[in-house]
All heavy atoms as atom14 arrays in JSON, in Angstrom:
{
  "sequence": "NGIKHAYFYTSFMDESRNKEIKPIIEEKLKVNLKQFYIPSIIA",
  "atom14_mask": [
    [1, 1, 1, 1, 1, 1, 1, 1, 0, 0, 0, 0, 0, 0],
    [1, 1, 1, 1, 0, 0, 0, 0, 0, 0, 0, 0, 0, 0],
    [1, 1, 1, 1, 1, 1, 1, 1, 0, 0, 0, 0, 0, 0],
    [1, 1, 1, 1, 1, 1, 1, 1, 1, 0, 0, 0, 0, 0],
    [1, 1, 1, 1, 1, 1, 1, 1, 1, 1, 0, 0, 0, 0],
    [1, 1, 1, 1, 1, 0, 0, 0, 0, 0, 0, 0, 0, 0],
    [1, 1, 1, 1, 1, 1, 1, 1, 1, 1, 1, 1, 0, 0],
    [1, 1, 1, 1, 1, 1, 1, 1, 1, 1, 1, 0, 0, 0],
    [1, 1, 1, 1, 1, 1, 1, 1, 1, 1, 1, 1, 0, 0],
    [1, 1, 1, 1, 1, 1, 1, 0, 0, 0, 0, 0, 0, 0],
    [1, 1, 1, 1, 1, 1, 0, 0, 0, 0, 0, 0, 0, 0],
    [1, 1, 1, 1, 1, 1, 1, 1, 1, 1, 1, 0, 0, 0],
    [1, 1, 1, 1, 1, 1, 1, 1, 0, 0, 0, 0, 0, 0],
    [1, 1, 1, 1, 1, 1, 1, 1, 0, 0, 0, 0, 0, 0],
    [1, 1, 1, 1, 1, 1, 1, 1, 1, 0, 0, 0, 0, 0],
    [1, 1, 1, 1, 1, 1, 0, 0, 0, 0, 0, 0, 0, 0],
    [1, 1, 1, 1, 1, 1, 1, 1, 1, 1, 1, 0, 0, 0],
    [1, 1, 1, 1, 1, 1, 1, 1, 0, 0, 0, 0, 0, 0],
    [1, 1, 1, 1, 1, 1, 1, 1, 1, 0, 0, 0, 0, 0],
    [1, 1, 1, 1, 1, 1, 1, 1, 1, 0, 0, 0, 0, 0],
    [1, 1, 1, 1, 1, 1, 1, 1, 0, 0, 0, 0, 0, 0],
    [1, 1, 1, 1, 1, 1, 1, 1, 1, 0, 0, 0, 0, 0],
    [1, 1, 1, 1, 1, 1, 1, 0, 0, 0, 0, 0, 0, 0],
    [1, 1, 1, 1, 1, 1, 1, 1, 0, 0, 0, 0, 0, 0],
    [1, 1, 1, 1, 1, 1, 1, 1, 0, 0, 0, 0, 0, 0],
    [1, 1, 1, 1, 1, 1, 1, 1, 1, 0, 0, 0, 0, 0],
    [1, 1, 1, 1, 1, 1, 1, 1, 1, 0, 0, 0, 0, 0],
    [1, 1, 1, 1, 1, 1, 1, 1, 1, 0, 0, 0, 0, 0],
    [1, 1, 1, 1, 1, 1, 1, 1, 0, 0, 0, 0, 0, 0],
    [1, 1, 1, 1, 1, 1, 1, 1, 1, 0, 0, 0, 0, 0],
    [1, 1, 1, 1, 1, 1, 1, 0, 0, 0, 0, 0, 0, 0],
    [1, 1, 1, 1, 1, 1, 1, 1, 0, 0, 0, 0, 0, 0],
    [1, 1, 1, 1, 1, 1, 1, 1, 0, 0, 0, 0, 0, 0],
    [1, 1, 1, 1, 1, 1, 1, 1, 1, 0, 0, 0, 0, 0],
    [1, 1, 1, 1, 1, 1, 1, 1, 1, 0, 0, 0, 0, 0],
    [1, 1, 1, 1, 1, 1, 1, 1, 1, 1, 1, 0, 0, 0],
    [1, 1, 1, 1, 1, 1, 1, 1, 1, 1, 1, 1, 0, 0],
    [1, 1, 1, 1, 1, 1, 1, 1, 0, 0, 0, 0, 0, 0],
    [1, 1, 1, 1, 1, 1, 1, 0, 0, 0, 0, 0, 0, 0],
    [1, 1, 1, 1, 1, 1, 0, 0, 0, 0, 0, 0, 0, 0],
    [1, 1, 1, 1, 1, 1, 1, 1, 0, 0, 0, 0, 0, 0],
    [1, 1, 1, 1, 1, 1, 1, 1, 0, 0, 0, 0, 0, 0],
    [1, 1, 1, 1, 1, 0, 0, 0, 0, 0, 0, 0, 0, 0]
  ],
  "atom14_positions": [
    [[0.83, -1.22, -0.03], [0.05, 0.03, -0.01], [0.81, 1.26, 0.03], [0.26, 2.4, -0.34], [-0.88, -0.01, 1.17], [-1.94, -1.08, 1.17], [-2.35, -1.56, 0.11], [-2.32, -1.6, 2.34], [0.0, 0.0, 0.0], [0.0, 0.0, 0.0], [0.0, 0.0, 0.0], [0.0, 0.0, 0.0], [0.0, 0.0, 0.0], [0.0, 0.0, 0.0]],
    [[2.12, 1.23, 0.37], [2.98, 2.38, 0.37], [2.99, 2.96, 1.81], [2.15, 2.59, 2.64], [0.0, 0.0, 0.0], [0.0, 0.0, 0.0], [0.0, 0.0, 0.0], [0.0, 0.0, 0.0], [0.0, 0.0, 0.0], [0.0, 0.0, 0.0], [0.0, 0.0, 0.0], [0.0, 0.0, 0.0], [0.0, 0.0, 0.0], [0.0, 0.0, 0.0]],
    [[3.92, 3.86, 2.03], [4.2, 4.45, 3.33], [3.65, 5.86, 3.33], [4.13, 6.7, 2.53], [5.69, 4.34, 3.69], [6.09, 2.92, 3.81], [5.95, 5.08, 5.04], [7.6, 2.75, 4.08], [0.0, 0.0, 0.0], [0.0, 0.0, 0.0], [0.0, 0.0, 0.0], [0.0, 0.0, 0.0], [0.0, 0.0, 0.0], [0.0, 0.0, 0.0]],
    [[2.82, 6.13, 4.28], [2.24, 7.52, 4.41], [3.12, 8.25, 5.48], [3.47, 9.47, 5.27], [0.85, 7.53, 4.89], [0.16, 8.87, 5.0], [-1.28, 8.63, 5.15], [-1.95, 10.06, 4.96], [-3.48, 10.03, 5.01], [0.0, 0.0, 0.0], [0.0, 0.0, 0.0], [0.0, 0.0, 0.0], [0.0, 0.0, 0.0], [0.0, 0.0, 0.0]],
    [[3.48, 7.59, 6.63], [4.27, 8.24, 7.6], [5.32, 7.22, 8.05], [4.89, 5.94, 8.25], [3.46, 8.71, 8.79], [2.57, 9.83, 8.59], [1.18, 9.66, 8.37], [2.76, 11.22, 8.41], [0.57, 10.8, 8.15], [1.48, 11.79, 8.15], [0.0, 0.0, 0.0], [0.0, 0.0, 0.0], [0.0, 0.0, 0.0], [0.0, 0.0, 0.0]],
    [[6.48, 7.61, 8.32], [7.59, 6.68, 8.84], [8.38, 7.45, 9.88], [9.01, 8.49, 9.56], [8.38, 6.23, 7.73], [0.0, 0.0, 0.0], [0.0, 0.0, 0.0], [0.0, 0.0, 0.0], [0.0, 0.0, 0.0], [0.0, 0.0, 0.0], [0.0, 0.0, 0.0], [0.0, 0.0, 0.0], [0.0, 0.0, 0.0], [0.0, 0.0, 0.0]],
    [[8.43, 6.91, 11.13], [9.12, 7.54, 12.19], [10.17, 6.72, 12.77], [10.07, 5.52, 12.85], [8.18, 8.04, 13.26], [6.99, 8.84, 12.88], [5.85, 8.93, 13.59], [7.22, 9.74, 11.8], [4.76, 9.74, 13.21], [6.15, 10.61, 11.46], [4.93, 10.55, 12.18], [3.92, 11.39, 11.8], [0.0, 0.0, 0.0], [0.0, 0.0, 0.0]],
    [[11.28, 7.33, 13.17], [12.3, 6.69, 13.98], [12.29, 7.32, 15.36], [12.61, 8.44, 15.47], [13.71, 6.94, 13.3], [14.9, 6.35, 14.08], [15.13, 5.03, 14.14], [15.76, 7.35, 14.74], [16.18, 4.49, 14.8], [16.84, 6.8, 15.46], [17.04, 5.46, 15.43], [0.0, 0.0, 0.0], [0.0, 0.0, 0.0], [0.0, 0.0, 0.0]],
    [[12.0, 6.48, 16.36], [12.05, 6.84, 17.74], [13.32, 6.39, 18.44], [13.74, 5.32, 18.08], [10.88, 6.32, 18.56], [9.45, 6.91, 18.2], [8.78, 6.32, 17.22], [8.98, 7.97, 18.92], [7.45, 6.84, 16.86], [7.69, 8.48, 18.63], [7.01, 7.91, 17.58], [5.73, 8.4, 17.32], [0.0, 0.0, 0.0], [0.0, 0.0, 0.0]],
    [[13.88, 7.17, 19.24], [15.11, 6.73, 19.97], [15.21, 7.26, 21.36], [14.59, 8.23, 21.76], [16.28, 7.29, 19.25], [17.54, 6.88, 19.83], [16.3, 8.78, 19.12], [0.0, 0.0, 0.0], [0.0, 0.0, 0.0], [0.0, 0.0, 0.0], [0.0, 0.0, 0.0], [0.0, 0.0, 0.0], [0.0, 0.0, 0.0], [0.0, 0.0, 0.0]],
    [[15.9, 6.45, 22.26], [16.32, 6.96, 23.57], [17.75, 6.89, 23.78], [18.25, 6.91, 24.88], [15.52, 6.09, 24.69], [16.02, 4.7, 24.63], [0.0, 0.0, 0.0], [0.0, 0.0, 0.0], [0.0, 0.0, 0.0], [0.0, 0.0, 0.0], [0.0, 0.0, 0.0], [0.0, 0.0, 0.0], [0.0, 0.0, 0.0], [0.0, 0.0, 0.0]],
    [[18.53, 6.7, 22.64], [19.94, 6.76, 22.73], [20.46, 8.13, 23.02], [20.1, 9.13, 22.35], [20.61, 6.29, 21.4], [20.59, 4.86, 21.1], [19.74, 4.28, 20.13], [21.47, 4.01, 21.83], [19.67, 2.93, 19.93], [21.42, 2.65, 21.52], [20.57, 2.06, 20.7], [0.0, 0.0, 0.0], [0.0, 0.0, 0.0], [0.0, 0.0, 0.0]],
    [[21.23, 8.27, 24.07], [21.84, 9.63, 24.33], [23.14, 9.82, 23.48], [23.56, 11.01, 23.22], [22.22, 9.63, 25.79], [21.13, 9.64, 26.84], [20.0, 11.08, 26.66], [18.63, 10.5, 25.64], [0.0, 0.0, 0.0], [0.0, 0.0, 0.0], [0.0, 0.0, 0.0], [0.0, 0.0, 0.0], [0.0, 0.0, 0.0], [0.0, 0.0, 0.0]],
    [[23.68, 8.74, 23.05], [24.88, 8.74, 22.15], [24.32, 8.96, 20.73], [23.84, 8.02, 20.05], [25.57, 7.49, 22.27], [26.91, 7.54, 21.36], [27.09, 8.56, 20.57], [27.72, 6.55, 21.49], [0.0, 0.0, 0.0], [0.0, 0.0, 0.0], [0.0, 0.0, 0.0], [0.0, 0.0, 0.0], [0.0, 0.0, 0.0], [0.0, 0.0, 0.0]],
    [[24.46, 10.17, 20.18], [23.89, 10.45, 18.93], [24.57, 9.69, 17.81], [23.89, 9.39, 16.68], [24.06, 12.0, 18.55], [23.4, 12.52, 17.23], [21.9, 12.21, 17.16], [21.33, 12.23, 18.27], [21.37, 12.0, 16.12], [0.0, 0.0, 0.0], [0.0, 0.0, 0.0], [0.0, 0.0, 0.0], [0.0, 0.0, 0.0], [0.0, 0.0, 0.0]],
    [[25.72, 9.24, 17.98], [26.42, 8.39, 16.91], [25.72, 7.1, 16.79], [25.69, 6.57, 15.59], [27.85, 8.07, 17.41], [27.85, 7.23, 18.5], [0.0, 0.0, 0.0], [0.0, 0.0, 0.0], [0.0, 0.0, 0.0], [0.0, 0.0, 0.0], [0.0, 0.0, 0.0], [0.0, 0.0, 0.0], [0.0, 0.0, 0.0], [0.0, 0.0, 0.0]],
    [[25.0, 6.61, 17.74], [24.23, 5.32, 17.6], [22.91, 5.59, 16.7], [22.54, 4.79, 15.87], [23.71, 4.81, 18.94], [24.81, 4.3, 19.77], [25.37, 2.97, 19.26], [24.53, 1.89, 19.67], [24.29, 0.79, 19.02], [24.83, 0.62, 17.79], [23.53, -0.14, 19.4], [0.0, 0.0, 0.0], [0.0, 0.0, 0.0], [0.0, 0.0, 0.0]],
    [[22.37, 6.8, 16.93], [21.22, 7.17, 16.01], [21.65, 7.3, 14.56], [20.93, 6.84, 13.65], [20.59, 8.5, 16.48], [20.0, 8.36, 17.89], [19.39, 7.36, 18.22], [20.08, 9.45, 18.65], [0.0, 0.0, 0.0], [0.0, 0.0, 0.0], [0.0, 0.0, 0.0], [0.0, 0.0, 0.0], [0.0, 0.0, 0.0], [0.0, 0.0, 0.0]],
    [[22.85, 7.97, 14.39], [23.43, 8.1, 13.04], [23.79, 6.79, 12.38], [23.91, 6.66, 11.16], [24.61, 9.04, 13.05], [24.13, 10.52, 13.39], [25.39, 11.39, 13.48], [24.96, 12.82, 13.75], [26.1, 13.78, 13.86], [0.0, 0.0, 0.0], [0.0, 0.0, 0.0], [0.0, 0.0, 0.0], [0.0, 0.0, 0.0], [0.0, 0.0, 0.0]],
    [[24.03, 5.83, 13.24], [24.41, 4.46, 12.75], [23.14, 3.63, 12.37], [23.14, 3.03, 11.29], [25.16, 3.62, 13.83], [25.31, 2.19, 13.49], [25.77, 1.38, 14.78], [26.07, 1.99, 15.94], [25.8, 0.13, 14.68], [0.0, 0.0, 0.0], [0.0, 0.0, 0.0], [0.0, 0.0, 0.0], [0.0, 0.0, 0.0], [0.0, 0.0, 0.0]],
    [[22.09, 3.75, 13.19], [21.0, 2.88, 13.02], [19.91, 3.38, 12.04], [19.44, 2.64, 11.22], [20.28, 2.56, 14.36], [21.22, 1.82, 15.34], [18.93, 1.82, 14.29], [20.79, 1.8, 16.72], [0.0, 0.0, 0.0], [0.0, 0.0, 0.0], [0.0, 0.0, 0.0], [0.0, 0.0, 0.0], [0.0, 0.0, 0.0], [0.0, 0.0, 0.0]],
    [[19.68, 4.67, 12.17], [18.65, 5.32, 11.31], [18.86, 5.06, 9.85], [17.92, 4.7, 9.17], [18.45, 6.76, 11.71], [17.3, 7.49, 10.97], [17.42, 8.99, 11.27], [16.4, 9.78, 10.48], [16.51, 11.17, 10.68], [0.0, 0.0, 0.0], [0.0, 0.0, 0.0], [0.0, 0.0, 0.0], [0.0, 0.0, 0.0], [0.0, 0.0, 0.0]],
    [[20.07, 5.32, 9.31], [20.32, 5.1, 7.87], [20.03, 3.73, 7.4], [19.7, 3.45, 6.23], [21.71, 5.56, 7.67], [22.11, 6.43, 8.78], [21.25, 5.93, 9.98], [0.0, 0.0, 0.0], [0.0, 0.0, 0.0], [0.0, 0.0, 0.0], [0.0, 0.0, 0.0], [0.0, 0.0, 0.0], [0.0, 0.0, 0.0], [0.0, 0.0, 0.0]],
    [[20.39, 2.68, 8.33], [20.14, 1.29, 7.87], [18.59, 1.07, 7.58], [18.23, 0.48, 6.66], [20.5, 0.39, 9.1], [22.07, 0.51, 9.28], [20.07, -1.04, 8.79], [22.49, -0.33, 10.48], [0.0, 0.0, 0.0], [0.0, 0.0, 0.0], [0.0, 0.0, 0.0], [0.0, 0.0, 0.0], [0.0, 0.0, 0.0], [0.0, 0.0, 0.0]],
    [[17.79, 1.69, 8.5], [16.33, 1.48, 8.34], [15.84, 2.29, 7.05], [15.07, 1.83, 6.33], [15.56, 2.03, 9.57], [16.06, 1.27, 10.82], [14.03, 1.91, 9.39], [15.63, 1.88, 12.13], [0.0, 0.0, 0.0], [0.0, 0.0, 0.0], [0.0, 0.0, 0.0], [0.0, 0.0, 0.0], [0.0, 0.0, 0.0], [0.0, 0.0, 0.0]],
    [[16.39, 3.51, 6.91], [16.04, 4.36, 5.72], [16.37, 3.64, 4.44], [15.62, 3.67, 3.48], [16.72, 5.73, 5.88], [16.12, 6.6, 6.93], [16.81, 7.95, 7.05], [18.07, 8.01, 6.74], [16.17, 8.95, 7.43], [0.0, 0.0, 0.0], [0.0, 0.0, 0.0], [0.0, 0.0, 0.0], [0.0, 0.0, 0.0], [0.0, 0.0, 0.0]],
    [[17.53, 3.04, 4.42], [17.95, 2.25, 3.22], [17.02, 1.08, 2.88], [16.59, 0.81, 1.75], [19.28, 1.71, 3.36], [19.93, 0.86, 2.24], [19.89, 1.64, 0.9], [20.06, 2.85, 0.82], [19.81, 1.0, -0.15], [0.0, 0.0, 0.0], [0.0, 0.0, 0.0], [0.0, 0.0, 0.0], [0.0, 0.0, 0.0], [0.0, 0.0, 0.0]],
    [[16.49, 0.4, 3.9], [15.66, -0.68, 3.7], [14.24, -0.24, 3.28], [13.61, -0.89, 2.5], [15.58, -1.54, 5.11], [16.78, -2.25, 5.35], [16.69, -2.97, 6.68], [17.92, -3.75, 7.11], [18.27, -4.83, 6.2], [0.0, 0.0, 0.0], [0.0, 0.0, 0.0], [0.0, 0.0, 0.0], [0.0, 0.0, 0.0], [0.0, 0.0, 0.0]],
    [[13.76, 0.93, 3.82], [12.47, 1.34, 3.46], [12.47, 2.27, 2.27], [11.32, 2.55, 1.73], [11.87, 2.19, 4.72], [11.65, 1.37, 5.97], [11.19, 2.32, 7.05], [10.43, 0.33, 5.69], [0.0, 0.0, 0.0], [0.0, 0.0, 0.0], [0.0, 0.0, 0.0], [0.0, 0.0, 0.0], [0.0, 0.0, 0.0], [0.0, 0.0, 0.0]],
    [[13.63, 2.79, 1.91], [13.74, 3.82, 0.82], [12.92, 5.02, 1.11], [12.33, 5.7, 0.23], [13.3, 3.16, -0.5], [13.94, 1.85, -0.87], [15.47, 2.07, -0.98], [16.2, 0.71, -1.31], [17.61, 0.85, -1.31], [0.0, 0.0, 0.0], [0.0, 0.0, 0.0], [0.0, 0.0, 0.0], [0.0, 0.0, 0.0], [0.0, 0.0, 0.0]],
    [[12.87, 5.54, 2.32], [12.17, 6.71, 2.79], [13.12, 7.49, 3.83], [13.91, 6.87, 4.45], [10.86, 6.49, 3.32], [9.89, 5.89, 2.26], [10.83, 5.61, 4.52], [0.0, 0.0, 0.0], [0.0, 0.0, 0.0], [0.0, 0.0, 0.0], [0.0, 0.0, 0.0], [0.0, 0.0, 0.0], [0.0, 0.0, 0.0], [0.0, 0.0, 0.0]],
    [[12.85, 8.76, 3.94], [13.52, 9.45, 5.06], [12.59, 9.31, 6.23], [11.35, 9.59, 6.23], [13.7, 10.94, 4.67], [14.67, 11.07, 3.57], [15.74, 10.41, 3.46], [14.48, 12.09, 2.7], [0.0, 0.0, 0.0], [0.0, 0.0, 0.0], [0.0, 0.0, 0.0], [0.0, 0.0, 0.0], [0.0, 0.0, 0.0], [0.0, 0.0, 0.0]],
    [[13.17, 9.07, 7.4], [12.51, 8.85, 8.63], [12.48, 10.15, 9.42], [13.63, 10.78, 9.64], [13.09, 7.83, 9.47], [13.01, 6.35, 8.89], [13.91, 5.43, 9.74], [11.67, 5.85, 8.94], [0.0, 0.0, 0.0], [0.0, 0.0, 0.0], [0.0, 0.0, 0.0], [0.0, 0.0, 0.0], [0.0, 0.0, 0.0], [0.0, 0.0, 0.0]],
    [[11.35, 10.65, 10.02], [11.33, 11.66, 10.96], [11.78, 11.15, 12.28], [11.37, 9.93, 12.64], [9.94, 12.27, 11.09], [9.47, 13.06, 9.92], [8.02, 13.66, 10.17], [7.71, 14.51, 9.03], [6.32, 15.21, 9.28], [0.0, 0.0, 0.0], [0.0, 0.0, 0.0], [0.0, 0.0, 0.0], [0.0, 0.0, 0.0], [0.0, 0.0, 0.0]],
    [[12.6, 11.88, 13.01], [13.19, 11.32, 14.25], [12.55, 12.07, 15.5], [12.37, 13.24, 15.54], [14.71, 11.51, 14.31], [15.36, 11.0, 15.53], [16.84, 11.08, 15.42], [17.45, 10.72, 14.43], [17.52, 11.3, 16.54], [0.0, 0.0, 0.0], [0.0, 0.0, 0.0], [0.0, 0.0, 0.0], [0.0, 0.0, 0.0], [0.0, 0.0, 0.0]],
    [[12.19, 11.2, 16.46], [11.68, 11.65, 17.69], [12.24, 10.91, 18.87], [12.83, 9.82, 18.67], [10.13, 11.48, 17.76], [9.3, 12.16, 16.67], [8.91, 11.44, 15.53], [8.93, 13.45, 16.83], [8.28, 12.09, 14.5], [8.27, 14.06, 15.68], [7.84, 13.39, 14.64], [0.0, 0.0, 0.0], [0.0, 0.0, 0.0], [0.0, 0.0, 0.0]],
    [[12.24, 11.51, 20.04], [12.62, 10.7, 21.22], [11.4, 9.79, 21.66], [10.26, 10.16, 21.47], [12.86, 11.62, 22.48], [14.31, 12.3, 22.34], [14.35, 13.75, 22.17], [15.36, 11.53, 22.34], [15.65, 14.33, 22.0], [16.73, 12.11, 22.26], [16.8, 13.43, 22.06], [18.07, 14.05, 21.98], [0.0, 0.0, 0.0], [0.0, 0.0, 0.0]],
    [[11.8, 8.66, 22.14], [10.7, 7.72, 22.66], [10.01, 8.46, 23.82], [10.62, 8.89, 24.76], [11.29, 6.34, 23.08], [11.94, 5.65, 21.93], [10.31, 5.51, 23.89], [12.67, 4.34, 22.32], [0.0, 0.0, 0.0], [0.0, 0.0, 0.0], [0.0, 0.0, 0.0], [0.0, 0.0, 0.0], [0.0, 0.0, 0.0], [0.0, 0.0, 0.0]],
    [[8.61, 8.49, 23.73], [7.89, 9.08, 24.83], [8.24, 8.52, 26.16], [8.47, 7.28, 26.35], [6.48, 8.9, 24.45], [6.5, 8.67, 23.02], [7.78, 8.03, 22.69], [0.0, 0.0, 0.0], [0.0, 0.0, 0.0], [0.0, 0.0, 0.0], [0.0, 0.0, 0.0], [0.0, 0.0, 0.0], [0.0, 0.0, 0.0], [0.0, 0.0, 0.0]],
    [[8.23, 9.34, 27.25], [8.7, 8.95, 28.61], [7.83, 7.79, 29.09], [8.32, 6.93, 29.86], [8.69, 10.14, 29.5], [7.41, 10.7, 29.59], [0.0, 0.0, 0.0], [0.0, 0.0, 0.0], [0.0, 0.0, 0.0], [0.0, 0.0, 0.0], [0.0, 0.0, 0.0], [0.0, 0.0, 0.0], [0.0, 0.0, 0.0], [0.0, 0.0, 0.0]],
    [[6.51, 7.69, 28.76], [5.67, 6.63, 29.27], [6.07, 5.32, 28.81], [5.81, 4.31, 29.45], [4.18, 6.97, 28.99], [3.33, 6.09, 29.88], [3.94, 6.74, 27.44], [1.85, 6.48, 29.74], [0.0, 0.0, 0.0], [0.0, 0.0, 0.0], [0.0, 0.0, 0.0], [0.0, 0.0, 0.0], [0.0, 0.0, 0.0], [0.0, 0.0, 0.0]],
    [[6.79, 5.23, 27.63], [7.38, 4.0, 27.15], [8.81, 3.85, 27.7], [9.26, 2.71, 28.06], [7.33, 3.92, 25.57], [5.87, 3.75, 25.15], [8.19, 2.76, 25.11], [5.74, 3.69, 23.66], [0.0, 0.0, 0.0], [0.0, 0.0, 0.0], [0.0, 0.0, 0.0], [0.0, 0.0, 0.0], [0.0, 0.0, 0.0], [0.0, 0.0, 0.0]],
    [[9.62, 4.85, 27.62], [11.04, 4.81, 28.06], [11.22, 4.33, 29.46], [12.19, 3.78, 29.79], [11.65, 6.26, 27.8], [0.0, 0.0, 0.0], [0.0, 0.0, 0.0], [0.0, 0.0, 0.0], [0.0, 0.0, 0.0], [0.0, 0.0, 0.0], [0.0, 0.0, 0.0], [0.0, 0.0, 0.0], [0.0, 0.0, 0.0], [0.0, 0.0, 0.0]]
  ]
}
């Protein structure tokens, strides 16, 4: 059906980990991911 919204949530304090992981997912999905922190009620 295609992707309408795609988000990457993170609780990594080390930004290098986000920069490592997020591109892997974007490459697999072929879309740019909007990045947010994981909400505190889940974190």
